[in-house]
């Protein structure tokens, strides 16, 4: 296999020590839910202001290596007319793009879904590359429901779709992030979450390797291993760290460029505590850091509340949140 040097360089930049990736790739609908937290209507102007605060805050480049954007935001500009991707690139932050088009029901498999978005993906990648994107993200959704889900069939079809995305991305000079999200919602135990997460990631990497995806130019975005949010007892950060790292050692080849975490419905505080506990377990075969969305955005949103006079304060809060997660990624909290 020829060496994909450019991909390796991008992956290394994204996995720089003490930095993480901001997942600002909410669809316009999900961005509306964020805005609703501070009683703002889901209007283009509000989404623009929200994203402009995120992308233009001075100093975020100390703590962020990349930002994942949504289709509308990678096409968007600041009030001064500078494309958001150019703003990030000027800071030394790598722009990225979410390319899956969400999920639909998997016929014949009740409660399970398959991710869409392969149609015209080569053409979309060409355009996104020209808009400045150098990495991408594709998400699959795994739900734990007693003994029935996920089925091996749903894991396999989603892994094949994700693998095809990764092939197309690498051919386009774009680093693929693969995100098999095991949903936190539910009443499952930590042990059950560990079994399902391990199996999910194993199936994914078996498929990636079967189809000769270059793992050195690929990043895994994983859930932390957590008991369901409705389980009778919640898990300590140390237990989360142990279960999560056991899972990775059972499922992630050492060739994989690195691993980043989604916050997955945890509170900002809990996400950071668990990240810190994982980092405190010591050096691993892969670089491990964060790729949070709500856990970074929520404190900033509350400080901003849609008011022009609060923008500087919101940027300070954003910077502090990024700093705390940077420290946590090094186990220094």
C-alpha atoms as a PDB file:
ATOM      1  CA  UNK A   1       0.000   0.000   0.000  1.00  0.00           C
ATOM      2  CA  UNK A   2       1.379   3.406  -0.936  1.00  0.00           C
ATOM      3  CA  UNK A   3       2.012   5.800   1.893  1.00  0.00           C
ATOM      4  CA  UNK A   4      -0.642   8.496   2.232  1.00  0.00           C
ATOM      5  CA  UNK A   5       1.765  11.081   3.636  1.00  0.00           C
ATOM      6  CA  UNK A   6      -0.659  14.024   3.427  1.00  0.00           C
ATOM      7  CA  UNK A   7      -3.324  12.068   5.296  1.00  0.00           C
ATOM      8  CA  UNK A   8      -0.828  11.124   8.005  1.00  0.00           C
ATOM      9  CA  UNK A   9       0.219  14.762   8.397  1.00  0.00           C
ATOM     10  CA  UNK A  10      -3.401  15.886   8.765  1.00  0.00           C
ATOM     11  CA  UNK A  11      -4.152  13.108  11.257  1.00  0.00           C
ATOM     12  CA  UNK A  12      -1.059  14.032  13.280  1.00  0.00           C
ATOM     13  CA  UNK A  13      -2.110  17.707  13.324  1.00  0.00           C
ATOM     14  CA  UNK A  14      -5.588  16.743  14.542  1.00  0.00           C
ATOM     15  CA  UNK A  15      -4.087  14.602  17.311  1.00  0.00           C
ATOM     16  CA  UNK A  16      -1.581  17.187  18.581  1.00  0.00           C
ATOM     17  CA  UNK A  17      -0.855  16.797  22.290  1.00  0.00           C
ATOM     18  CA  UNK A  18      -3.152  18.780  24.567  1.00  0.00           C
ATOM     19  CA  UNK A  19      -5.580  19.651  21.794  1.00  0.00           C
ATOM     20  CA  UNK A  20      -8.959  18.304  20.733  1.00  0.00           C
ATOM     21  CA  UNK A  21     -11.549  18.637  17.995  1.00  0.00           C
ATOM     22  CA  UNK A  22     -14.673  20.766  18.372  1.00  0.00           C
ATOM     23  CA  UNK A  23     -17.684  19.013  16.859  1.00  0.00           C
ATOM     24  CA  UNK A  24     -19.632  22.062  15.679  1.00  0.00           C
ATOM     25  CA  UNK A  25     -21.382  19.942  13.050  1.00  0.00           C
ATOM     26  CA  UNK A  26     -24.944  20.212  14.285  1.00  0.00           C
ATOM     27  CA  UNK A  27     -27.531  20.267  11.545  1.00  0.00           C
ATOM     28  CA  UNK A  28     -29.513  23.479  11.382  1.00  0.00           C
ATOM     29  CA  UNK A  29     -32.284  21.653  13.253  1.00  0.00           C
ATOM     30  CA  UNK A  30     -29.988  20.501  16.063  1.00  0.00           C
ATOM     31  CA  UNK A  31     -28.418  23.965  16.226  1.00  0.00           C
ATOM     32  CA  UNK A  32     -31.951  25.168  16.878  1.00  0.00           C
ATOM     33  CA  UNK A  33     -32.153  22.907  19.935  1.00  0.00           C
ATOM     34  CA  UNK A  34     -28.929  24.442  21.222  1.00  0.00           C
ATOM     35  CA  UNK A  35     -30.347  27.944  20.718  1.00  0.00           C
ATOM     36  CA  UNK A  36     -33.602  26.948  22.428  1.00  0.00           C
ATOM     37  CA  UNK A  37     -31.601  26.284  25.614  1.00  0.00           C
ATOM     38  CA  UNK A  38     -31.193  30.059  25.883  1.00  0.00           C
ATOM     39  CA  UNK A  39     -34.659  30.844  24.460  1.00  0.00           C
ATOM     40  CA  UNK A  40     -33.435  31.959  21.039  1.00  0.00           C
ATOM     41  CA  UNK A  41     -35.428  31.208  17.874  1.00  0.00           C
ATOM     42  CA  UNK A  42     -33.815  28.949  15.273  1.00  0.00           C
ATOM     43  CA  UNK A  43     -33.094  31.637  12.694  1.00  0.00           C
ATOM     44  CA  UNK A  44     -30.120  31.864  10.286  1.00  0.00           C
ATOM     45  CA  UNK A  45     -28.866  35.043  11.992  1.00  0.00           C
ATOM     46  CA  UNK A  46     -28.745  33.375  15.411  1.00  0.00           C
ATOM     47  CA  UNK A  47     -27.005  30.282  14.040  1.00  0.00           C
ATOM     48  CA  UNK A  48     -24.501  32.553  12.284  1.00  0.00           C
ATOM     49  CA  UNK A  49     -23.784  34.528  15.478  1.00  0.00           C
ATOM     50  CA  UNK A  50     -23.450  31.326  17.519  1.00  0.00           C
ATOM     51  CA  UNK A  51     -20.943  29.834  15.077  1.00  0.00           C
ATOM     52  CA  UNK A  52     -19.048  33.095  14.657  1.00  0.00           C
ATOM     53  CA  UNK A  53     -18.393  33.244  18.416  1.00  0.00           C
ATOM     54  CA  UNK A  54     -17.176  29.634  18.332  1.00  0.00           C
ATOM     55  CA  UNK A  55     -14.842  30.068  15.378  1.00  0.00           C
ATOM     56  CA  UNK A  56     -13.405  33.540  15.993  1.00  0.00           C
ATOM     57  CA  UNK A  57     -12.606  33.424  19.723  1.00  0.00           C
ATOM     58  CA  UNK A  58      -8.984  34.484  20.249  1.00  0.00           C
ATOM     59  CA  UNK A  59      -6.775  31.714  21.577  1.00  0.00           C
ATOM     60  CA  UNK A  60      -8.911  28.657  20.808  1.00  0.00           C
ATOM     61  CA  UNK A  61      -6.069  27.405  18.619  1.00  0.00           C
ATOM     62  CA  UNK A  62      -4.121  26.686  21.823  1.00  0.00           C
ATOM     63  CA  UNK A  63      -6.649  23.985  22.703  1.00  0.00           C
ATOM     64  CA  UNK A  64      -8.370  22.999  19.445  1.00  0.00           C
ATOM     65  CA  UNK A  65      -6.693  21.234  16.523  1.00  0.00           C
ATOM     66  CA  UNK A  66      -9.770  20.899  14.327  1.00  0.00           C
ATOM     67  CA  UNK A  67     -13.416  21.884  13.973  1.00  0.00           C
ATOM     68  CA  UNK A  68     -16.061  19.695  12.338  1.00  0.00           C
ATOM     69  CA  UNK A  69     -18.594  21.797  10.442  1.00  0.00           C
ATOM     70  CA  UNK A  70     -21.987  21.189   8.873  1.00  0.00           C
ATOM     71  CA  UNK A  71     -22.712  21.809   5.183  1.00  0.00           C
ATOM     72  CA  UNK A  72     -24.293  25.210   5.809  1.00  0.00           C
ATOM     73  CA  UNK A  73     -21.524  26.424   8.133  1.00  0.00           C
ATOM     74  CA  UNK A  74     -18.608  25.490   5.858  1.00  0.00           C
ATOM     75  CA  UNK A  75     -20.330  27.685   3.236  1.00  0.00           C
ATOM     76  CA  UNK A  76     -20.952  30.476   5.734  1.00  0.00           C
ATOM     77  CA  UNK A  77     -18.866  33.581   6.449  1.00  0.00           C
ATOM     78  CA  UNK A  78     -18.207  35.986   9.283  1.00  0.00           C
ATOM     79  CA  UNK A  79     -19.966  39.355   9.349  1.00  0.00           C
ATOM     80  CA  UNK A  80     -16.891  40.658   7.497  1.00  0.00           C
ATOM     81  CA  UNK A  81     -17.375  38.147   4.686  1.00  0.00           C
ATOM     82  CA  UNK A  82     -14.487  35.793   5.551  1.00  0.00           C
ATOM     83  CA  UNK A  83     -15.398  32.100   5.093  1.00  0.00           C
ATOM     84  CA  UNK A  84     -15.442  30.254   8.423  1.00  0.00           C
ATOM     85  CA  UNK A  85     -13.057  27.628   7.021  1.00  0.00           C
ATOM     86  CA  UNK A  86     -10.545  30.381   6.189  1.00  0.00           C
ATOM     87  CA  UNK A  87     -10.873  31.840   9.703  1.00  0.00           C
ATOM     88  CA  UNK A  88     -10.005  28.447  11.188  1.00  0.00           C
ATOM     89  CA  UNK A  89      -7.169  27.733   8.743  1.00  0.00           C
ATOM     90  CA  UNK A  90      -5.601  31.118   9.554  1.00  0.00           C
ATOM     91  CA  UNK A  91      -5.536  30.069  13.216  1.00  0.00           C
ATOM     92  CA  UNK A  92      -3.844  26.764  12.345  1.00  0.00           C
ATOM     93  CA  UNK A  93      -7.057  24.842  13.060  1.00  0.00           C
ATOM     94  CA  UNK A  94      -7.972  22.146  10.512  1.00  0.00           C
ATOM     95  CA  UNK A  95     -11.490  22.514   9.053  1.00  0.00           C
ATOM     96  CA  UNK A  96     -13.584  19.350   8.819  1.00  0.00           C
ATOM     97  CA  UNK A  97     -17.019  18.404   7.514  1.00  0.00           C
ATOM     98  CA  UNK A  98     -19.785  16.032   8.582  1.00  0.00           C
ATOM     99  CA  UNK A  99     -20.843  14.127   5.457  1.00  0.00           C
ATOM    100  CA  UNK A 100     -23.369  11.516   6.526  1.00  0.00           C
ATOM    101  CA  UNK A 101     -26.995  12.457   5.920  1.00  0.00           C
ATOM    102  CA  UNK A 102     -28.464  10.971   9.076  1.00  0.00           C
ATOM    103  CA  UNK A 103     -30.143   7.634   9.630  1.00  0.00           C
ATOM    104  CA  UNK A 104     -33.198   5.751   8.429  1.00  0.00           C
ATOM    105  CA  UNK A 105     -34.887   2.636   9.785  1.00  0.00           C
ATOM    106  CA  UNK A 106     -33.211  -0.640   8.858  1.00  0.00           C
ATOM    107  CA  UNK A 107     -36.043  -2.664   7.377  1.00  0.00           C
ATOM    108  CA  UNK A 108     -36.618  -5.992   9.128  1.00  0.00           C
ATOM    109  CA  UNK A 109     -34.652  -4.955  12.224  1.00  0.00           C
ATOM    110  CA  UNK A 110     -36.953  -3.228  14.688  1.00  0.00           C
ATOM    111  CA  UNK A 111     -35.368  -0.302  16.514  1.00  0.00           C
ATOM    112  CA  UNK A 112     -32.190  -0.317  14.403  1.00  0.00           C
ATOM    113  CA  UNK A 113     -31.059   2.234  11.846  1.00  0.00           C
ATOM    114  CA  UNK A 114     -28.608   2.561   8.986  1.00  0.00           C
ATOM    115  CA  UNK A 115     -26.673   5.708   8.067  1.00  0.00           C
ATOM    116  CA  UNK A 116     -27.226   7.370   4.685  1.00  0.00           C
ATOM    117  CA  UNK A 117     -25.025   9.621   2.570  1.00  0.00           C
ATOM    118  CA  UNK A 118     -22.923   7.626   0.097  1.00  0.00           C
ATOM    119  CA  UNK A 119     -24.703   8.984  -2.985  1.00  0.00           C
ATOM    120  CA  UNK A 120     -22.534  11.535  -4.840  1.00  0.00           C
ATOM    121  CA  UNK A 121     -19.985  11.442  -2.019  1.00  0.00           C
ATOM    122  CA  UNK A 122     -17.006  11.666  -4.405  1.00  0.00           C
ATOM    123  CA  UNK A 123     -18.377  14.902  -5.883  1.00  0.00           C
ATOM    124  CA  UNK A 124     -19.248  16.280  -2.458  1.00  0.00           C
ATOM    125  CA  UNK A 125     -15.722  15.595  -1.219  1.00  0.00           C
ATOM    126  CA  UNK A 126     -14.227  17.443  -4.190  1.00  0.00           C
ATOM    127  CA  UNK A 127     -16.341  20.481  -3.342  1.00  0.00           C
ATOM    128  CA  UNK A 128     -15.625  20.271   0.404  1.00  0.00           C
ATOM    129  CA  UNK A 129     -11.892  19.961  -0.285  1.00  0.00           C
ATOM    130  CA  UNK A 130     -12.070  23.142  -2.371  1.00  0.00           C
ATOM    131  CA  UNK A 131     -13.948  24.822   0.493  1.00  0.00           C
ATOM    132  CA  UNK A 132     -11.040  23.957   2.814  1.00  0.00           C
ATOM    133  CA  UNK A 133     -12.056  20.689   4.503  1.00  0.00           C
ATOM    134  CA  UNK A 134      -9.199  18.276   5.209  1.00  0.00           C
ATOM    135  CA  UNK A 135     -11.028  15.759   7.374  1.00  0.00           C
ATOM    136  CA  UNK A 136     -14.573  14.424   7.601  1.00  0.00           C
ATOM    137  CA  UNK A 137     -16.920  12.566   9.922  1.00  0.00           C
ATOM    138  CA  UNK A 138     -19.494   9.809   9.438  1.00  0.00           C
ATOM    139  CA  UNK A 139     -21.638   8.541  12.322  1.00  0.00           C
ATOM    140  CA  UNK A 140     -23.415   5.258  12.884  1.00  0.00           C
ATOM    141  CA  UNK A 141     -25.918   4.821  15.713  1.00  0.00           C
ATOM    142  CA  UNK A 142     -25.949   1.775  17.993  1.00  0.00           C
ATOM    143  CA  UNK A 143     -28.760   1.353  20.514  1.00  0.00           C
ATOM    144  CA  UNK A 144     -28.656  -1.128  23.400  1.00  0.00           C
ATOM    145  CA  UNK A 145     -32.058  -2.705  24.071  1.00  0.00           C
ATOM    146  CA  UNK A 146     -31.988  -5.660  26.488  1.00  0.00           C
ATOM    147  CA  UNK A 147     -30.725  -8.742  24.626  1.00  0.00           C
ATOM    148  CA  UNK A 148     -32.015  -7.912  21.174  1.00  0.00           C
ATOM    149  CA  UNK A 149     -30.044  -4.985  19.812  1.00  0.00           C
ATOM    150  CA  UNK A 150     -27.672  -4.322  18.311  1.00  0.00           C
ATOM    151  CA  UNK A 151     -27.806  -7.292  15.937  1.00  0.00           C
ATOM    152  CA  UNK A 152     -24.710  -8.467  14.104  1.00  0.00           C
ATOM    153  CA  UNK A 153     -26.516  -7.726  10.837  1.00  0.00           C
ATOM    154  CA  UNK A 154     -27.046  -4.055  11.680  1.00  0.00           C
ATOM    155  CA  UNK A 155     -23.455  -3.682  12.885  1.00  0.00           C
ATOM    156  CA  UNK A 156     -22.169  -5.213   9.660  1.00  0.00           C
ATOM    157  CA  UNK A 157     -24.224  -3.150   7.211  1.00  0.00           C
ATOM    158  CA  UNK A 158     -23.331   0.057   9.051  1.00  0.00           C
ATOM    159  CA  UNK A 159     -19.661  -0.940   9.134  1.00  0.00           C
ATOM    160  CA  UNK A 160     -19.694  -1.564   5.373  1.00  0.00           C
ATOM    161  CA  UNK A 161     -21.288   1.849   4.696  1.00  0.00           C
ATOM    162  CA  UNK A 162     -18.779   3.538   7.001  1.00  0.00           C
ATOM    163  CA  UNK A 163     -15.899   1.711   5.338  1.00  0.00           C
ATOM    164  CA  UNK A 164     -17.030   2.833   1.895  1.00  0.00           C
ATOM    165  CA  UNK A 165     -17.138   6.418   3.179  1.00  0.00           C
ATOM    166  CA  UNK A 166     -13.591   6.032   4.557  1.00  0.00           C
ATOM    167  CA  UNK A 167     -12.315   4.712   1.212  1.00  0.00           C
ATOM    168  CA  UNK A 168     -13.840   7.628  -0.700  1.00  0.00           C
ATOM    169  CA  UNK A 169     -12.526  10.158   1.829  1.00  0.00           C
ATOM    170  CA  UNK A 170      -8.955   8.896   1.671  1.00  0.00           C
ATOM    171  CA  UNK A 171      -9.038   8.846  -2.133  1.00  0.00           C
ATOM    172  CA  UNK A 172     -10.069  12.524  -1.972  1.00  0.00           C
ATOM    173  CA  UNK A 173      -7.162  13.448   0.331  1.00  0.00           C
ATOM    174  CA  UNK A 174      -9.432  13.773   3.357  1.00  0.00           C
ATOM    175  CA  UNK A 175      -8.866  12.045   6.725  1.00  0.00           C
ATOM    176  CA  UNK A 176     -11.967  10.060   7.705  1.00  0.00           C
ATOM    177  CA  UNK A 177     -13.213  10.104  11.278  1.00  0.00           C
ATOM    178  CA  UNK A 178     -15.379   7.033  11.904  1.00  0.00           C
ATOM    179  CA  UNK A 179     -17.921   7.474  14.699  1.00  0.00           C
ATOM    180  CA  UNK A 180     -19.769   4.374  15.926  1.00  0.00           C
ATOM    181  CA  UNK A 181     -21.860   5.980  18.688  1.00  0.00           C
ATOM    182  CA  UNK A 182     -23.248   3.628  21.316  1.00  0.00           C
ATOM    183  CA  UNK A 183     -26.205   5.588  22.652  1.00  0.00           C
ATOM    184  CA  UNK A 184     -26.007   6.517  26.352  1.00  0.00           C
ATOM    185  CA  UNK A 185     -29.793   6.535  26.784  1.00  0.00           C
ATOM    186  CA  UNK A 186     -31.169   3.371  28.366  1.00  0.00           C
ATOM    187  CA  UNK A 187     -31.095   1.238  31.483  1.00  0.00           C
ATOM    188  CA  UNK A 188     -28.181  -1.012  30.505  1.00  0.00           C
ATOM    189  CA  UNK A 189     -25.292  -1.764  32.863  1.00  0.00           C
ATOM    190  CA  UNK A 190     -21.667  -0.735  32.414  1.00  0.00           C
ATOM    191  CA  UNK A 191     -20.829  -4.383  31.662  1.00  0.00           C
ATOM    192  CA  UNK A 192     -23.428  -4.529  28.888  1.00  0.00           C
ATOM    193  CA  UNK A 193     -22.145  -1.243  27.420  1.00  0.00           C
ATOM    194  CA  UNK A 194     -18.602  -2.638  27.400  1.00  0.00           C
ATOM    195  CA  UNK A 195     -19.647  -5.811  25.584  1.00  0.00           C
ATOM    196  CA  UNK A 196     -21.632  -3.911  22.941  1.00  0.00           C
ATOM    197  CA  UNK A 197     -19.016  -1.182  22.404  1.00  0.00           C
ATOM    198  CA  UNK A 198     -16.229  -3.750  22.061  1.00  0.00           C
ATOM    199  CA  UNK A 199     -18.226  -5.784  19.546  1.00  0.00           C
ATOM    200  CA  UNK A 200     -19.228  -2.680  17.569  1.00  0.00           C
ATOM    201  CA  UNK A 201     -15.654  -1.428  17.202  1.00  0.00           C
ATOM    202  CA  UNK A 202     -14.348  -4.926  16.422  1.00  0.00           C
ATOM    203  CA  UNK A 203     -16.818  -5.349  13.555  1.00  0.00           C
ATOM    204  CA  UNK A 204     -15.959  -1.880  12.244  1.00  0.00           C
ATOM    205  CA  UNK A 205     -12.189  -2.419  12.189  1.00  0.00           C
ATOM    206  CA  UNK A 206     -12.505  -5.930  10.745  1.00  0.00           C
ATOM    207  CA  UNK A 207     -14.459  -4.390   7.869  1.00  0.00           C
ATOM    208  CA  UNK A 208     -12.078  -1.447   7.433  1.00  0.00           C
ATOM    209  CA  UNK A 209      -9.147  -3.863   7.200  1.00  0.00           C
ATOM    210  CA  UNK A 210     -10.965  -6.232   4.820  1.00  0.00           C
ATOM    211  CA  UNK A 211     -11.442  -3.331   2.411  1.00  0.00           C
ATOM    212  CA  UNK A 212      -7.860  -2.074   2.813  1.00  0.00           C
ATOM    213  CA  UNK A 213      -8.590   1.303   4.396  1.00  0.00           C
ATOM    214  CA  UNK A 214      -5.316   2.880   5.569  1.00  0.00           C
ATOM    215  CA  UNK A 215      -5.725   2.917   9.354  1.00  0.00           C
ATOM    216  CA  UNK A 216      -2.758   5.272   9.815  1.00  0.00           C
ATOM    217  CA  UNK A 217      -4.808   7.914   8.019  1.00  0.00           C
ATOM    218  CA  UNK A 218      -8.020   7.341  10.004  1.00  0.00           C
ATOM    219  CA  UNK A 219      -9.316   8.459  13.419  1.00  0.00           C
ATOM    220  CA  UNK A 220     -11.852   6.629  15.592  1.00  0.00           C
ATOM    221  CA  UNK A 221     -14.447   8.777  17.354  1.00  0.00           C
ATOM    222  CA  UNK A 222     -15.858   6.643  20.141  1.00  0.00           C
ATOM    223  CA  UNK A 223     -18.315   6.781  22.966  1.00  0.00           C
ATOM    224  CA  UNK A 224     -16.892   6.382  26.443  1.00  0.00           C
ATOM    225  CA  UNK A 225     -18.127   3.123  27.965  1.00  0.00           C
ATOM    226  CA  UNK A 226     -20.942   4.173  30.310  1.00  0.00           C
ATOM    227  CA  UNK A 227     -23.895   2.601  32.050  1.00  0.00           C
ATOM    228  CA  UNK A 228     -27.178   3.790  30.551  1.00  0.00           C
ATOM    229  CA  UNK A 229     -28.489   7.107  31.810  1.00  0.00           C
ATOM    230  CA  UNK A 230     -31.451   5.312  33.440  1.00  0.00           C
ATOM    231  CA  UNK A 231     -29.392   2.552  35.055  1.00  0.00           C
ATOM    232  CA  UNK A 232     -29.785   2.299  38.837  1.00  0.00           C
ATOM    233  CA  UNK A 233     -26.232   3.392  39.619  1.00  0.00           C
ATOM    234  CA  UNK A 234     -24.002   5.702  37.641  1.00  0.00           C
ATOM    235  CA  UNK A 235     -20.379   4.852  37.070  1.00  0.00           C
ATOM    236  CA  UNK A 236     -17.342   6.463  38.681  1.00  0.00           C
ATOM    237  CA  UNK A 237     -14.782   8.096  36.356  1.00  0.00           C
ATOM    238  CA  UNK A 238     -12.262   5.380  37.297  1.00  0.00           C
ATOM    239  CA  UNK A 239     -14.688   2.607  36.307  1.00  0.00           C
ATOM    240  CA  UNK A 240     -15.481   4.399  33.035  1.00  0.00           C
ATOM    241  CA  UNK A 241     -11.749   4.720  32.317  1.00  0.00           C
ATOM    242  CA  UNK A 242     -11.050   1.046  32.990  1.00  0.00           C
ATOM    243  CA  UNK A 243     -13.983  -0.216  30.916  1.00  0.00           C
ATOM    244  CA  UNK A 244     -13.235   2.159  28.039  1.00  0.00           C
ATOM    245  CA  UNK A 245      -9.558   1.253  27.804  1.00  0.00           C
ATOM    246  CA  UNK A 246     -10.321  -2.481  28.076  1.00  0.00           C
ATOM    247  CA  UNK A 247     -12.673  -2.017  25.134  1.00  0.00           C
ATOM    248  CA  UNK A 248     -10.043  -0.258  23.025  1.00  0.00           C
ATOM    249  CA  UNK A 249      -7.365  -2.849  23.778  1.00  0.00           C
ATOM    250  CA  UNK A 250      -9.794  -5.548  22.604  1.00  0.00           C
ATOM    251  CA  UNK A 251     -10.927  -3.789  19.445  1.00  0.00           C
ATOM    252  CA  UNK A 252      -8.688  -1.005  18.066  1.00  0.00           C
ATOM    253  CA  UNK A 253      -5.587  -1.943  16.024  1.00  0.00           C
ATOM    254  CA  UNK A 254      -2.442  -0.086  17.045  1.00  0.00           C
ATOM    255  CA  UNK A 255      -2.093   1.245  13.481  1.00  0.00           C
ATOM    256  CA  UNK A 256      -5.133   3.500  13.951  1.00  0.00           C
ATOM    257  CA  UNK A 257      -3.924   7.122  13.998  1.00  0.00           C
ATOM    258  CA  UNK A 258      -5.784   7.948  17.201  1.00  0.00           C
ATOM    259  CA  UNK A 259      -9.018   8.043  19.166  1.00  0.00           C
ATOM    260  CA  UNK A 260     -11.235  10.989  20.067  1.00  0.00           C
ATOM    261  CA  UNK A 261     -14.248  10.929  22.369  1.00  0.00           C
ATOM    262  CA  UNK A 262     -17.745  12.220  21.852  1.00  0.00           C
ATOM    263  CA  UNK A 263     -19.492  13.479  24.979  1.00  0.00           C
ATOM    264  CA  UNK A 264     -22.647  11.580  24.084  1.00  0.00           C
ATOM    265  CA  UNK A 265     -25.232  13.277  26.258  1.00  0.00           C
ATOM    266  CA  UNK A 266     -23.067  13.530  29.374  1.00  0.00           C
ATOM    267  CA  UNK A 267     -22.937  16.850  31.190  1.00  0.00           C
ATOM    268  CA  UNK A 268     -19.937  19.046  30.331  1.00  0.00           C
ATOM    269  CA  UNK A 269     -18.505  18.404  33.822  1.00  0.00           C
ATOM    270  CA  UNK A 270     -18.906  14.636  33.607  1.00  0.00           C
ATOM    271  CA  UNK A 271     -17.385  14.446  30.123  1.00  0.00           C
ATOM    272  CA  UNK A 272     -14.301  16.315  31.333  1.00  0.00           C
ATOM    273  CA  UNK A 273     -13.972  14.261  34.535  1.00  0.00           C
ATOM    274  CA  UNK A 274     -14.144  10.990  32.608  1.00  0.00           C
ATOM    275  CA  UNK A 275     -11.645  12.206  29.995  1.00  0.00           C
ATOM    276  CA  UNK A 276      -9.244  13.153  32.787  1.00  0.00           C
ATOM    277  CA  UNK A 277      -9.623   9.727  34.430  1.00  0.00           C
ATOM    278  CA  UNK A 278      -8.882   7.980  31.122  1.00  0.00           C
ATOM    279  CA  UNK A 279      -5.767  10.110  30.538  1.00  0.00           C
ATOM    280  CA  UNK A 280      -4.556   9.385  34.080  1.00  0.00           C
ATOM    281  CA  UNK A 281      -4.387   5.675  33.185  1.00  0.00           C
ATOM    282  CA  UNK A 282      -1.122   6.445  31.410  1.00  0.00           C
ATOM    283  CA  UNK A 283       0.265   6.164  27.905  1.00  0.00           C
ATOM    284  CA  UNK A 284      -1.678   4.040  25.416  1.00  0.00           C
ATOM    285  CA  UNK A 285      -0.838   2.703  21.929  1.00  0.00           C
ATOM    286  CA  UNK A 286      -2.918   5.541  20.430  1.00  0.00           C
ATOM    287  CA  UNK A 287      -3.208   9.262  21.058  1.00  0.00           C
ATOM    288  CA  UNK A 288      -6.525   9.778  22.891  1.00  0.00           C
ATOM    289  CA  UNK A 289      -8.275  13.151  23.168  1.00  0.00           C
ATOM    290  CA  UNK A 290     -11.689  14.818  22.923  1.00  0.00           C
ATOM    291  CA  UNK A 291     -14.087  15.743  20.138  1.00  0.00           C
ATOM    292  CA  UNK A 292     -16.927  17.234  22.139  1.00  0.00           C
ATOM    293  CA  UNK A 293     -19.908  19.215  20.931  1.00  0.00           C
ATOM    294  CA  UNK A 294     -22.468  20.148  23.561  1.00  0.00           C
ATOM    295  CA  UNK A 295     -19.926  19.681  26.370  1.00  0.00           C
ATOM    296  CA  UNK A 296     -17.931  22.596  24.900  1.00  0.00           C
ATOM    297  CA  UNK A 297     -20.752  24.675  23.457  1.00  0.00           C
ATOM    298  CA  UNK A 298     -23.273  24.624  26.306  1.00  0.00           C
ATOM    299  CA  UNK A 299     -21.337  26.762  28.841  1.00  0.00           C
ATOM    300  CA  UNK A 300     -20.550  29.320  26.118  1.00  0.00           C
ATOM    301  CA  UNK A 301     -24.182  29.424  24.989  1.00  0.00           C
ATOM    302  CA  UNK A 302     -25.399  30.098  28.513  1.00  0.00           C
ATOM    303  CA  UNK A 303     -22.895  32.940  28.911  1.00  0.00           C
ATOM    304  CA  UNK A 304     -23.874  34.465  25.561  1.00  0.00           C
ATOM    305  CA  UNK A 305     -27.679  34.049  25.716  1.00  0.00           C
ATOM    306  CA  UNK A 306     -27.962  35.742  22.326  1.00  0.00           C
ATOM    307  CA  UNK A 307     -26.903  39.175  23.589  1.00  0.00           C
ATOM    308  CA  UNK A 308     -24.306  41.229  21.739  1.00  0.00           C
ATOM    309  CA  UNK A 309     -22.949  42.661  24.995  1.00  0.00           C
ATOM    310  CA  UNK A 310     -22.228  39.113  26.244  1.00  0.00           C
ATOM    311  CA  UNK A 311     -20.081  38.015  23.298  1.00  0.00           C
ATOM    312  CA  UNK A 312     -16.718  38.739  24.933  1.00  0.00           C
ATOM    313  CA  UNK A 313     -17.783  36.903  28.095  1.00  0.00           C
ATOM    314  CA  UNK A 314     -19.014  33.971  25.999  1.00  0.00           C
ATOM    315  CA  UNK A 315     -15.631  33.753  24.273  1.00  0.00           C
ATOM    316  CA  UNK A 316     -13.872  33.761  27.669  1.00  0.00           C
ATOM    317  CA  UNK A 317     -16.102  30.913  28.859  1.00  0.00           C
ATOM    318  CA  UNK A 318     -15.471  29.002  25.618  1.00  0.00           C
ATOM    319  CA  UNK A 319     -11.720  29.407  26.040  1.00  0.00           C
ATOM    320  CA  UNK A 320     -11.846  28.225  29.654  1.00  0.00           C
ATOM    321  CA  UNK A 321     -13.964  25.182  28.718  1.00  0.00           C
ATOM    322  CA  UNK A 322     -11.512  24.264  25.955  1.00  0.00           C
ATOM    323  CA  UNK A 323      -8.611  24.735  28.375  1.00  0.00           C
ATOM    324  CA  UNK A 324     -10.185  22.430  30.968  1.00  0.00           C
ATOM    325  CA  UNK A 325     -10.677  19.719  28.360  1.00  0.00           C
ATOM    326  CA  UNK A 326      -7.128  20.231  27.106  1.00  0.00           C
ATOM    327  CA  UNK A 327      -5.834  19.672  30.648  1.00  0.00           C
ATOM    328  CA  UNK A 328      -8.140  16.663  31.050  1.00  0.00           C
ATOM    329  CA  UNK A 329      -6.809  15.110  27.825  1.00  0.00           C
ATOM    330  CA  UNK A 330      -3.373  15.168  29.489  1.00  0.00           C
ATOM    331  CA  UNK A 331      -4.680  13.878  32.844  1.00  0.00           C
ATOM    332  CA  UNK A 332      -3.726  17.175  34.494  1.00  0.00           C
ATOM    333  CA  UNK A 333      -6.992  18.222  36.137  1.00  0.00           C
END
